[in-house]
Full PDB file with SEQRES, HELIX, SHEET, SSBOND, CRYST1, ORIGX, SCALE, CONECT and MASTER records, all heavy atoms in Angstrom:
SEQRES   1 A   33  GLY SER LYS LEU SER GLY LEU LYS GLY THR PHE THR SER          
SEQRES   2 A   33  PRO ASN PHE PRO SER HIS TYR PRO PRO GLN THR THR CYS          
SEQRES   3 A   33  VAL TRP ASP ILE GLU VAL PRO                                  
SHEET    1 AA1 2 LYS A   3  SER A   5  0                                        
SHEET    2 AA1 2 ASP A  29  GLU A  31  1                                        
CRYST1    1.000    1.000    1.000  90.00  90.00  90.00 P 1           1          
ORIGX1      1.000000  0.000000  0.000000        0.00000                         
ORIGX2      0.000000  1.000000  0.000000        0.00000                         
ORIGX3      0.000000  0.000000  1.000000        0.00000                         
SCALE1      1.000000  0.000000  0.000000        0.00000                         
SCALE2      0.000000  1.000000  0.000000        0.00000                         
SCALE3      0.000000  0.000000  1.000000        0.00000                         
ATOM      1  N   GLY A   1      -1.150  -2.441  -3.834  1.00  0.00           N  
ATOM      2  CA  GLY A   1      -0.388  -3.290  -2.941  1.00  0.00           C  
ATOM      3  C   GLY A   1       0.923  -3.658  -3.605  1.00  0.00           C  
ATOM      4  O   GLY A   1       1.103  -3.495  -4.802  1.00  0.00           O  
ATOM      5  N   SER A   2       1.860  -4.127  -2.805  1.00  0.00           N  
ATOM      6  CA  SER A   2       3.166  -4.523  -3.322  1.00  0.00           C  
ATOM      7  C   SER A   2       3.983  -5.106  -2.191  1.00  0.00           C  
ATOM      8  O   SER A   2       3.532  -5.187  -1.051  1.00  0.00           O  
ATOM      9  CB  SER A   2       3.884  -3.327  -3.939  1.00  0.00           C  
ATOM     10  OG  SER A   2       4.134  -2.338  -2.947  1.00  0.00           O  
ATOM     11  N   LYS A   3       5.197  -5.473  -2.511  1.00  0.00           N  
ATOM     12  CA  LYS A   3       6.155  -5.905  -1.492  1.00  0.00           C  
ATOM     13  C   LYS A   3       6.995  -4.691  -1.133  1.00  0.00           C  
ATOM     14  O   LYS A   3       7.564  -4.046  -2.007  1.00  0.00           O  
ATOM     15  CB  LYS A   3       7.026  -7.034  -2.016  1.00  0.00           C  
ATOM     16  CG  LYS A   3       7.996  -7.563  -0.980  1.00  0.00           C  
ATOM     17  CD  LYS A   3       8.631  -8.848  -1.463  1.00  0.00           C  
ATOM     18  CE  LYS A   3       9.667  -9.350  -0.479  1.00  0.00           C  
ATOM     19  NZ  LYS A   3       9.175  -9.721   0.812  1.00  0.00           N  
ATOM     20  N   LEU A   4       7.018  -4.349   0.153  1.00  0.00           N  
ATOM     21  CA  LEU A   4       7.783  -3.212   0.632  1.00  0.00           C  
ATOM     22  C   LEU A   4       8.882  -3.720   1.563  1.00  0.00           C  
ATOM     23  O   LEU A   4       8.634  -4.587   2.392  1.00  0.00           O  
ATOM     24  CB  LEU A   4       6.877  -2.240   1.401  1.00  0.00           C  
ATOM     25  CG  LEU A   4       5.676  -1.699   0.648  1.00  0.00           C  
ATOM     26  CD1 LEU A   4       4.740  -0.946   1.587  1.00  0.00           C  
ATOM     27  CD2 LEU A   4       6.117  -0.808  -0.487  1.00  0.00           C  
ATOM     28  N   SER A   5      10.090  -3.192   1.401  1.00  0.00           N  
ATOM     29  CA  SER A   5      11.194  -3.626   2.264  1.00  0.00           C  
ATOM     30  C   SER A   5      12.118  -2.455   2.533  1.00  0.00           C  
ATOM     31  O   SER A   5      11.966  -1.379   1.957  1.00  0.00           O  
ATOM     32  CB  SER A   5      11.958  -4.781   1.596  1.00  0.00           C  
ATOM     33  OG  SER A   5      12.493  -4.362   0.364  1.00  0.00           O  
ATOM     34  N   GLY A   6      13.045  -2.658   3.433  1.00  0.00           N  
ATOM     35  CA  GLY A   6      13.977  -1.614   3.811  1.00  0.00           C  
ATOM     36  C   GLY A   6      13.690  -1.139   5.215  1.00  0.00           C  
ATOM     37  O   GLY A   6      12.985  -1.792   5.986  1.00  0.00           O  
ATOM     38  N   LEU A   7      14.249   0.027   5.550  1.00  0.00           N  
ATOM     39  CA  LEU A   7      14.082   0.570   6.895  1.00  0.00           C  
ATOM     40  C   LEU A   7      12.831   1.425   7.032  1.00  0.00           C  
ATOM     41  O   LEU A   7      12.310   1.584   8.137  1.00  0.00           O  
ATOM     42  CB  LEU A   7      15.307   1.392   7.293  1.00  0.00           C  
ATOM     43  CG  LEU A   7      16.600   0.589   7.412  1.00  0.00           C  
ATOM     44  CD1 LEU A   7      17.768   1.499   7.716  1.00  0.00           C  
ATOM     45  CD2 LEU A   7      16.464  -0.484   8.488  1.00  0.00           C  
ATOM     46  N   LYS A   8      12.330   2.003   5.932  1.00  0.00           N  
ATOM     47  CA  LYS A   8      11.112   2.790   5.998  1.00  0.00           C  
ATOM     48  C   LYS A   8      10.548   2.993   4.606  1.00  0.00           C  
ATOM     49  O   LYS A   8      11.250   2.822   3.601  1.00  0.00           O  
ATOM     50  CB  LYS A   8      11.321   4.131   6.694  1.00  0.00           C  
ATOM     51  CG  LYS A   8      12.325   5.045   6.039  1.00  0.00           C  
ATOM     52  CD  LYS A   8      12.479   6.291   6.869  1.00  0.00           C  
ATOM     53  CE  LYS A   8      13.572   7.176   6.338  1.00  0.00           C  
ATOM     54  NZ  LYS A   8      13.695   8.409   7.097  1.00  0.00           N  
ATOM     55  N   GLY A   9       9.270   3.352   4.554  1.00  0.00           N  
ATOM     56  CA  GLY A   9       8.596   3.592   3.284  1.00  0.00           C  
ATOM     57  C   GLY A   9       7.204   4.141   3.494  1.00  0.00           C  
ATOM     58  O   GLY A   9       6.743   4.276   4.623  1.00  0.00           O  
ATOM     59  N   THR A  10       6.538   4.457   2.397  1.00  0.00           N  
ATOM     60  CA  THR A  10       5.207   5.048   2.418  1.00  0.00           C  
ATOM     61  C   THR A  10       4.293   4.286   1.468  1.00  0.00           C  
ATOM     62  O   THR A  10       4.741   3.817   0.429  1.00  0.00           O  
ATOM     63  CB  THR A  10       5.279   6.524   1.974  1.00  0.00           C  
ATOM     64  OG1 THR A  10       6.149   7.222   2.865  1.00  0.00           O  
ATOM     65  CG2 THR A  10       3.934   7.196   1.999  1.00  0.00           C  
ATOM     66  N   PHE A  11       3.010   4.172   1.812  1.00  0.00           N  
ATOM     67  CA  PHE A  11       2.023   3.585   0.917  1.00  0.00           C  
ATOM     68  C   PHE A  11       0.667   4.215   1.202  1.00  0.00           C  
ATOM     69  O   PHE A  11       0.458   4.772   2.271  1.00  0.00           O  
ATOM     70  CB  PHE A  11       1.984   2.054   1.044  1.00  0.00           C  
ATOM     71  CG  PHE A  11       1.681   1.531   2.424  1.00  0.00           C  
ATOM     72  CD1 PHE A  11       0.410   1.067   2.732  1.00  0.00           C  
ATOM     73  CD2 PHE A  11       2.660   1.492   3.411  1.00  0.00           C  
ATOM     74  CE1 PHE A  11       0.128   0.569   3.991  1.00  0.00           C  
ATOM     75  CE2 PHE A  11       2.387   1.008   4.670  1.00  0.00           C  
ATOM     76  CZ  PHE A  11       1.113   0.546   4.967  1.00  0.00           C  
ATOM     77  N   THR A  12      -0.225   4.147   0.209  1.00  0.00           N  
ATOM     78  CA  THR A  12      -1.556   4.760   0.335  1.00  0.00           C  
ATOM     79  C   THR A  12      -2.617   3.835  -0.253  1.00  0.00           C  
ATOM     80  O   THR A  12      -2.302   2.942  -1.042  1.00  0.00           O  
ATOM     81  CB  THR A  12      -1.639   6.107  -0.418  1.00  0.00           C  
ATOM     82  OG1 THR A  12      -1.513   5.868  -1.815  1.00  0.00           O  
ATOM     83  CG2 THR A  12      -0.548   7.069   0.032  1.00  0.00           C  
ATOM     84  N   SER A  13      -3.855   4.114   0.090  1.00  0.00           N  
ATOM     85  CA  SER A  13      -4.963   3.444  -0.564  1.00  0.00           C  
ATOM     86  C   SER A  13      -5.033   3.934  -2.015  1.00  0.00           C  
ATOM     87  O   SER A  13      -4.510   5.001  -2.328  1.00  0.00           O  
ATOM     88  CB  SER A  13      -6.272   3.727   0.177  1.00  0.00           C  
ATOM     89  OG  SER A  13      -6.491   5.117   0.269  1.00  0.00           O  
ATOM     90  N   PRO A  14      -5.662   3.185  -2.906  1.00  0.00           N  
ATOM     91  CA  PRO A  14      -5.742   3.599  -4.313  1.00  0.00           C  
ATOM     92  C   PRO A  14      -6.377   4.980  -4.472  1.00  0.00           C  
ATOM     93  O   PRO A  14      -7.362   5.291  -3.808  1.00  0.00           O  
ATOM     94  CB  PRO A  14      -6.618   2.535  -4.962  1.00  0.00           C  
ATOM     95  CG  PRO A  14      -6.608   1.378  -4.037  1.00  0.00           C  
ATOM     96  CD  PRO A  14      -6.365   1.933  -2.670  1.00  0.00           C  
ATOM     97  N   ASN A  15      -5.795   5.797  -5.301  1.00  0.00           N  
ATOM     98  CA  ASN A  15      -6.282   7.134  -5.665  1.00  0.00           C  
ATOM     99  C   ASN A  15      -6.172   8.180  -4.567  1.00  0.00           C  
ATOM    100  O   ASN A  15      -6.636   9.302  -4.750  1.00  0.00           O  
ATOM    101  CB  ASN A  15      -7.748   7.093  -6.138  1.00  0.00           C  
ATOM    102  CG  ASN A  15      -7.954   6.153  -7.295  1.00  0.00           C  
ATOM    103  OD1 ASN A  15      -7.074   5.955  -8.112  1.00  0.00           O  
ATOM    104  ND2 ASN A  15      -9.129   5.556  -7.350  1.00  0.00           N  
ATOM    105  N   PHE A  16      -5.610   7.846  -3.398  1.00  0.00           N  
ATOM    106  CA  PHE A  16      -5.542   8.820  -2.309  1.00  0.00           C  
ATOM    107  C   PHE A  16      -4.860  10.089  -2.793  1.00  0.00           C  
ATOM    108  O   PHE A  16      -3.853  10.007  -3.476  1.00  0.00           O  
ATOM    109  CB  PHE A  16      -4.771   8.244  -1.107  1.00  0.00           C  
ATOM    110  CG  PHE A  16      -4.778   9.162   0.084  1.00  0.00           C  
ATOM    111  CD1 PHE A  16      -5.820   9.133   0.971  1.00  0.00           C  
ATOM    112  CD2 PHE A  16      -3.746  10.067   0.287  1.00  0.00           C  
ATOM    113  CE1 PHE A  16      -5.847   9.991   2.059  1.00  0.00           C  
ATOM    114  CE2 PHE A  16      -3.759  10.928   1.365  1.00  0.00           C  
ATOM    115  CZ  PHE A  16      -4.807  10.896   2.255  1.00  0.00           C  
ATOM    116  N   PRO A  17      -5.373  11.283  -2.518  1.00  0.00           N  
ATOM    117  CA  PRO A  17      -6.450  11.634  -1.597  1.00  0.00           C  
ATOM    118  C   PRO A  17      -7.842  11.663  -2.234  1.00  0.00           C  
ATOM    119  O   PRO A  17      -8.790  12.110  -1.616  1.00  0.00           O  
ATOM    120  CB  PRO A  17      -6.058  13.038  -1.136  1.00  0.00           C  
ATOM    121  CG  PRO A  17      -5.369  13.632  -2.318  1.00  0.00           C  
ATOM    122  CD  PRO A  17      -4.656  12.483  -2.975  1.00  0.00           C  
ATOM    123  N   SER A  18      -7.973  11.191  -3.467  1.00  0.00           N  
ATOM    124  CA  SER A  18      -9.314  11.049  -4.057  1.00  0.00           C  
ATOM    125  C   SER A  18      -9.929   9.758  -3.528  1.00  0.00           C  
ATOM    126  O   SER A  18      -9.295   8.988  -2.833  1.00  0.00           O  
ATOM    127  CB  SER A  18      -9.212  10.992  -5.582  1.00  0.00           C  
ATOM    128  OG  SER A  18      -8.724  12.214  -6.083  1.00  0.00           O  
ATOM    129  N   HIS A  19     -11.148   9.497  -3.891  1.00  0.00           N  
ATOM    130  CA  HIS A  19     -11.856   8.326  -3.384  1.00  0.00           C  
ATOM    131  C   HIS A  19     -11.311   7.021  -3.966  1.00  0.00           C  
ATOM    132  O   HIS A  19     -10.993   6.941  -5.144  1.00  0.00           O  
ATOM    133  CB  HIS A  19     -13.357   8.433  -3.710  1.00  0.00           C  
ATOM    134  CG  HIS A  19     -14.033   9.475  -2.875  1.00  0.00           C  
ATOM    135  ND1 HIS A  19     -13.932  10.827  -3.131  1.00  0.00           N  
ATOM    136  CD2 HIS A  19     -14.815   9.353  -1.777  1.00  0.00           C  
ATOM    137  CE1 HIS A  19     -14.619  11.493  -2.224  1.00  0.00           C  
ATOM    138  NE2 HIS A  19     -15.165  10.630  -1.394  1.00  0.00           N  
ATOM    139  N   TYR A  20     -11.189   6.043  -3.102  1.00  0.00           N  
ATOM    140  CA  TYR A  20     -10.776   4.717  -3.549  1.00  0.00           C  
ATOM    141  C   TYR A  20     -11.938   4.032  -4.259  1.00  0.00           C  
ATOM    142  O   TYR A  20     -13.104   4.366  -4.031  1.00  0.00           O  
ATOM    143  CB  TYR A  20     -10.263   3.861  -2.383  1.00  0.00           C  
ATOM    144  CG  TYR A  20     -11.202   3.737  -1.196  1.00  0.00           C  
ATOM    145  CD1 TYR A  20     -12.283   2.861  -1.211  1.00  0.00           C  
ATOM    146  CD2 TYR A  20     -10.996   4.498  -0.052  1.00  0.00           C  
ATOM    147  CE1 TYR A  20     -13.131   2.740  -0.121  1.00  0.00           C  
ATOM    148  CE2 TYR A  20     -11.843   4.385   1.039  1.00  0.00           C  
ATOM    149  CZ  TYR A  20     -12.890   3.511   0.999  1.00  0.00           C  
ATOM    150  OH  TYR A  20     -13.736   3.386   2.077  1.00  0.00           O  
ATOM    151  N   PRO A  21     -11.667   3.091  -5.150  1.00  0.00           N  
ATOM    152  CA  PRO A  21     -12.746   2.414  -5.874  1.00  0.00           C  
ATOM    153  C   PRO A  21     -13.456   1.394  -4.982  1.00  0.00           C  
ATOM    154  O   PRO A  21     -12.868   0.882  -4.031  1.00  0.00           O  
ATOM    155  CB  PRO A  21     -12.023   1.724  -7.025  1.00  0.00           C  
ATOM    156  CG  PRO A  21     -10.621   1.595  -6.579  1.00  0.00           C  
ATOM    157  CD  PRO A  21     -10.341   2.712  -5.620  1.00  0.00           C  
ATOM    158  N   PRO A  22     -14.706   1.086  -5.314  1.00  0.00           N  
ATOM    159  CA  PRO A  22     -15.420   0.044  -4.561  1.00  0.00           C  
ATOM    160  C   PRO A  22     -14.888  -1.336  -4.930  1.00  0.00           C  
ATOM    161  O   PRO A  22     -14.230  -1.518  -5.950  1.00  0.00           O  
ATOM    162  CB  PRO A  22     -16.870   0.216  -5.017  1.00  0.00           C  
ATOM    163  CG  PRO A  22     -16.762   0.831  -6.373  1.00  0.00           C  
ATOM    164  CD  PRO A  22     -15.537   1.679  -6.350  1.00  0.00           C  
ATOM    165  N   GLN A  23     -15.175  -2.290  -4.077  1.00  0.00           N  
ATOM    166  CA  GLN A  23     -14.858  -3.696  -4.297  1.00  0.00           C  
ATOM    167  C   GLN A  23     -13.373  -3.892  -4.653  1.00  0.00           C  
ATOM    168  O   GLN A  23     -13.015  -4.443  -5.682  1.00  0.00           O  
ATOM    169  CB  GLN A  23     -15.752  -4.278  -5.398  1.00  0.00           C  
ATOM    170  CG  GLN A  23     -16.036  -5.729  -5.211  1.00  0.00           C  
ATOM    171  CD  GLN A  23     -17.169  -6.181  -6.114  1.00  0.00           C  
ATOM    172  OE1 GLN A  23     -17.535  -5.525  -7.080  1.00  0.00           O  
ATOM    173  NE2 GLN A  23     -17.718  -7.332  -5.800  1.00  0.00           N  
ATOM    174  N   THR A  24     -12.516  -3.402  -3.755  1.00  0.00           N  
ATOM    175  CA  THR A  24     -11.080  -3.437  -3.978  1.00  0.00           C  
ATOM    176  C   THR A  24     -10.393  -4.135  -2.818  1.00  0.00           C  
ATOM    177  O   THR A  24     -10.784  -3.974  -1.664  1.00  0.00           O  
ATOM    178  CB  THR A  24     -10.519  -2.001  -4.107  1.00  0.00           C  
ATOM    179  OG1 THR A  24     -11.162  -1.364  -5.212  1.00  0.00           O  
ATOM    180  CG2 THR A  24      -9.034  -1.984  -4.315  1.00  0.00           C  
ATOM    181  N   THR A  25      -9.372  -4.905  -3.131  1.00  0.00           N  
ATOM    182  CA  THR A  25      -8.512  -5.513  -2.124  1.00  0.00           C  
ATOM    183  C   THR A  25      -7.071  -5.212  -2.494  1.00  0.00           C  
ATOM    184  O   THR A  25      -6.662  -5.476  -3.625  1.00  0.00           O  
ATOM    185  CB  THR A  25      -8.719  -7.043  -2.046  1.00  0.00           C  
ATOM    186  OG1 THR A  25     -10.082  -7.301  -1.714  1.00  0.00           O  
ATOM    187  CG2 THR A  25      -7.802  -7.666  -1.003  1.00  0.00           C  
ATOM    188  N   CYS A  26      -6.330  -4.654  -1.558  1.00  0.00           N  
ATOM    189  CA  CYS A  26      -4.911  -4.362  -1.750  1.00  0.00           C  
ATOM    190  C   CYS A  26      -4.136  -5.044  -0.631  1.00  0.00           C  
ATOM    191  O   CYS A  26      -4.571  -5.032   0.516  1.00  0.00           O  
ATOM    192  CB  CYS A  26      -4.629  -2.868  -1.675  1.00  0.00           C  
ATOM    193  SG  CYS A  26      -5.589  -1.850  -2.814  1.00  0.00           S  
ATOM    194  N   VAL A  27      -2.983  -5.604  -0.967  1.00  0.00           N  
ATOM    195  CA  VAL A  27      -2.145  -6.275   0.023  1.00  0.00           C  
ATOM    196  C   VAL A  27      -0.717  -5.776  -0.116  1.00  0.00           C  
ATOM    197  O   VAL A  27      -0.130  -5.836  -1.194  1.00  0.00           O  
ATOM    198  CB  VAL A  27      -2.189  -7.818  -0.155  1.00  0.00           C  
ATOM    199  CG1 VAL A  27      -1.276  -8.501   0.850  1.00  0.00           C  
ATOM    200  CG2 VAL A  27      -3.608  -8.335  -0.038  1.00  0.00           C  
ATOM    201  N   TRP A  28      -0.175  -5.273   0.994  1.00  0.00           N  
ATOM    202  CA  TRP A  28       1.213  -4.862   1.058  1.00  0.00           C  
ATOM    203  C   TRP A  28       1.934  -5.812   1.999  1.00  0.00           C  
ATOM    204  O   TRP A  28       1.551  -5.957   3.164  1.00  0.00           O  
ATOM    205  CB  TRP A  28       1.358  -3.438   1.589  1.00  0.00           C  
ATOM    206  CG  TRP A  28       0.802  -2.396   0.678  1.00  0.00           C  
ATOM    207  CD1 TRP A  28       1.453  -1.733  -0.319  1.00  0.00           C  
ATOM    208  CD2 TRP A  28      -0.533  -1.873   0.683  1.00  0.00           C  
ATOM    209  NE1 TRP A  28       0.614  -0.855  -0.933  1.00  0.00           N  
ATOM    210  CE2 TRP A  28      -0.615  -0.920  -0.334  1.00  0.00           C  
ATOM    211  CE3 TRP A  28      -1.666  -2.131   1.459  1.00  0.00           C  
ATOM    212  CZ2 TRP A  28      -1.776  -0.220  -0.607  1.00  0.00           C  
ATOM    213  CZ3 TRP A  28      -2.823  -1.431   1.184  1.00  0.00           C  
ATOM    214  CH2 TRP A  28      -2.878  -0.482   0.169  1.00  0.00           C  
ATOM    215  N   ASP A  29       2.959  -6.499   1.512  1.00  0.00           N  
ATOM    216  CA  ASP A  29       3.800  -7.337   2.350  1.00  0.00           C  
ATOM    217  C   ASP A  29       5.028  -6.508   2.719  1.00  0.00           C  
ATOM    218  O   ASP A  29       5.782  -6.075   1.848  1.00  0.00           O  
ATOM    219  CB  ASP A  29       4.242  -8.599   1.592  1.00  0.00           C  
ATOM    220  CG  ASP A  29       3.066  -9.523   1.325  1.00  0.00           C  
ATOM    221  OD1 ASP A  29       2.279  -9.759   2.262  1.00  0.00           O  
ATOM    222  OD2 ASP A  29       2.946 -10.018   0.185  1.00  0.00           O  
ATOM    223  N   ILE A  30       5.193  -6.273   4.009  1.00  0.00           N  
ATOM    224  CA  ILE A  30       6.284  -5.419   4.495  1.00  0.00           C  
ATOM    225  C   ILE A  30       7.302  -6.286   5.210  1.00  0.00           C  
ATOM    226  O   ILE A  30       6.947  -7.100   6.084  1.00  0.00           O  
ATOM    227  CB  ILE A  30       5.748  -4.335   5.458  1.00  0.00           C  
ATOM    228  CG1 ILE A  30       4.698  -3.474   4.748  1.00  0.00           C  
ATOM    229  CG2 ILE A  30       6.901  -3.479   5.980  1.00  0.00           C  
ATOM    230  CD1 ILE A  30       4.006  -2.482   5.643  1.00  0.00           C  
ATOM    231  N   GLU A  31       8.567  -6.114   4.832  1.00  0.00           N  
ATOM    232  CA  GLU A  31       9.652  -6.859   5.476  1.00  0.00           C  
ATOM    233  C   GLU A  31      10.800  -5.897   5.784  1.00  0.00           C  
ATOM    234  O   GLU A  31      11.212  -5.126   4.917  1.00  0.00           O  
ATOM    235  CB  GLU A  31      10.133  -7.994   4.608  1.00  0.00           C  
ATOM    236  CG  GLU A  31      11.139  -8.885   5.289  1.00  0.00           C  
ATOM    237  CD  GLU A  31      11.499 -10.117   4.480  1.00  0.00           C  
ATOM    238  OE1 GLU A  31      10.874 -10.350   3.430  1.00  0.00           O  
ATOM    239  OE2 GLU A  31      12.396 -10.840   4.921  1.00  0.00           O  
ATOM    240  N   VAL A  32      11.276  -5.940   7.021  1.00  0.00           N  
ATOM    241  CA  VAL A  32      12.412  -5.129   7.442  1.00  0.00           C  
ATOM    242  C   VAL A  32      13.542  -6.081   7.818  1.00  0.00           C  
ATOM    243  O   VAL A  32      13.340  -7.291   7.905  1.00  0.00           O  
ATOM    244  CB  VAL A  32      12.024  -4.189   8.615  1.00  0.00           C  
ATOM    245  CG1 VAL A  32      10.911  -3.218   8.195  1.00  0.00           C  
ATOM    246  CG2 VAL A  32      11.611  -4.965   9.843  1.00  0.00           C  
ATOM    247  N   PRO A  33      14.764  -5.584   8.049  1.00  0.00           N  
ATOM    248  CA  PRO A  33      15.883  -6.468   8.377  1.00  0.00           C  
ATOM    249  C   PRO A  33      15.600  -7.363   9.590  1.00  0.00           C  
ATOM    250  O   PRO A  33      14.840  -6.989  10.490  1.00  0.00           O  
ATOM    251  CB  PRO A  33      17.033  -5.498   8.669  1.00  0.00           C  
ATOM    252  CG  PRO A  33      16.700  -4.280   7.862  1.00  0.00           C  
ATOM    253  CD  PRO A  33      15.201  -4.182   7.907  1.00  0.00           C  
TER     254      PRO A  33                                                      
MASTER        0    0    0    0    2    0    0    6  253    1    0    3          
END                                                                             
């Protein structure tokens, strides 16, 4: 997770395309103009 800003961007679950870990929480805060 992270803070994402701008007009566009990309993000993935952890380890994608491999398996994500169990008991995980990710938060992405997205802000555009």
